[in-house]
């Protein structure tokens, strides 16, 4: 029997995180599952989240992932990562985002 090989790894854990929805608004959250392609997030008002935002995992990490919402329930949201890791203090530029999307689709 062959060993299963996944394109994306997944780790189940409950790490504290923060969601930056822009204009200086930051909300605490819990990152329940994490893979190299996305995450499952809880502990936040799901209905009030925009379709795209920055996610920083663990308060001490100074990098953020740019996320796009893929699904929502009443208490959780699933996101895909749409940009490479960037400094939390510096937003990605339009050129950076375009280049990163081309790399992902290639």
Protein backbone atom coordinates (compact mmCIF):
# COMPACT_ATOMS: atom_id res chain seq x y z
CA UNK A 1 0.00 0.00 0.00
CA UNK A 2 1.41 3.39 -0.99
CA UNK A 3 1.92 6.26 1.38
CA UNK A 4 -0.40 9.24 0.95
CA UNK A 5 1.39 12.35 -0.28
CA UNK A 6 -0.37 15.65 0.00
CA UNK A 7 0.39 18.76 -1.94
CA UNK A 8 -0.39 20.85 1.17
CA UNK A 9 0.49 19.90 4.72
CA UNK A 10 -2.04 20.62 7.47
CA UNK A 11 -1.50 21.15 11.17
CA UNK A 12 -4.38 21.19 13.66
CA UNK A 13 -3.74 23.55 16.55
CA UNK A 14 -5.25 26.51 18.37
CA UNK A 15 -2.84 29.40 18.05
CA UNK A 16 -3.72 32.98 18.86
CA UNK A 17 -3.67 35.29 15.88
CA UNK A 18 -4.78 38.70 14.72
CA UNK A 19 -6.77 39.79 11.71
CA UNK A 20 -5.98 43.19 10.21
CA UNK A 21 -9.00 44.37 8.24
CA UNK A 22 -7.46 47.72 7.37
CA UNK A 23 -7.69 51.31 8.62
CA UNK A 24 -5.95 50.28 11.85
CA UNK A 25 -8.69 47.78 12.81
CA UNK A 26 -7.16 44.60 14.27
CA UNK A 27 -9.19 41.74 15.74
CA UNK A 28 -7.93 38.80 17.82
CA UNK A 29 -8.70 35.31 16.51
CA UNK A 30 -7.82 31.62 16.90
CA UNK A 31 -6.08 29.75 14.07
CA UNK A 32 -7.47 26.21 14.31
CA UNK A 33 -5.97 24.54 11.24
CA UNK A 34 -3.07 25.76 9.18
CA UNK A 35 -1.65 24.56 5.89
CA UNK A 36 0.73 26.07 3.40
CA UNK A 37 -2.31 27.03 1.32
CA UNK A 38 -4.67 28.47 3.93
CA UNK A 39 -6.21 28.29 7.39
CA UNK A 40 -9.40 27.72 9.38
CA UNK A 41 -10.06 30.59 11.80
CA UNK A 42 -12.49 30.99 14.70
CA UNK A 43 -13.02 33.34 17.63
CA UNK A 44 -13.97 36.34 15.48
CA UNK A 45 -17.25 37.82 14.23
CA UNK A 46 -17.29 36.03 10.89
CA UNK A 47 -20.08 38.11 9.35
CA UNK A 48 -18.09 41.32 9.86
CA UNK A 49 -14.92 40.12 8.12
CA UNK A 50 -14.15 41.50 4.64
CA UNK A 51 -13.43 39.10 1.80
CA UNK A 52 -9.68 39.86 2.02
CA UNK A 53 -7.51 40.72 5.02
CA UNK A 54 -4.10 40.13 6.62
CA UNK A 55 -3.61 37.32 9.14
CA UNK A 56 -0.76 37.32 11.64
CA UNK A 57 -0.29 34.06 13.51
CA UNK A 58 0.90 34.34 17.10
CA UNK A 59 1.45 37.81 18.58
CA UNK A 60 5.25 37.60 18.45
CA UNK A 61 5.52 36.88 14.71
CA UNK A 62 6.11 40.05 12.69
CA UNK A 63 4.99 38.70 9.32
CA UNK A 64 1.47 38.42 7.96
CA UNK A 65 -0.30 36.40 5.29
CA UNK A 66 -2.72 38.07 2.91
CA UNK A 67 -5.91 36.00 2.90
CA UNK A 68 -9.04 35.57 0.81
CA UNK A 69 -12.17 34.08 2.40
CA UNK A 70 -13.18 30.80 0.76
CA UNK A 71 -16.05 29.77 3.06
CA UNK A 72 -17.89 30.95 6.19
CA UNK A 73 -20.04 29.38 8.88
CA UNK A 74 -21.57 31.11 11.90
CA UNK A 75 -18.43 30.60 13.96
CA UNK A 76 -15.56 29.87 11.55
CA UNK A 77 -14.02 31.08 8.33
CA UNK A 78 -11.76 29.28 5.87
CA UNK A 79 -9.16 31.31 4.00
CA UNK A 80 -6.62 30.76 1.28
CA UNK A 81 -3.28 32.56 1.28
CA UNK A 82 -3.07 34.80 -1.78
CA UNK A 83 0.31 36.45 -1.24
CA UNK A 84 3.68 35.36 0.03
CA UNK A 85 4.71 36.20 3.57
CA UNK A 86 5.33 39.91 3.93
CA UNK A 87 6.42 42.18 6.72
CA UNK A 88 3.43 42.96 8.89
CA UNK A 89 4.35 46.63 8.80
CA UNK A 90 4.49 46.88 5.01
CA UNK A 91 1.52 46.02 2.76
CA UNK A 92 2.12 44.20 -0.49
CA UNK A 93 2.15 46.40 -3.57
CA UNK A 94 0.01 45.75 -6.65
CA UNK A 95 3.12 44.65 -8.56
CA UNK A 96 4.11 42.23 -5.81
CA UNK A 97 0.61 40.75 -5.69
CA UNK A 98 0.50 40.31 -9.47
CA UNK A 99 3.92 38.62 -9.54
CA UNK A 100 2.98 36.30 -6.69
CA UNK A 101 -0.28 35.25 -8.37
CA UNK A 102 1.65 34.40 -11.55
CA UNK A 103 4.07 32.24 -9.53
CA UNK A 104 1.20 30.36 -7.87
CA UNK A 105 -0.58 29.62 -11.16
CA UNK A 106 2.60 28.63 -13.01
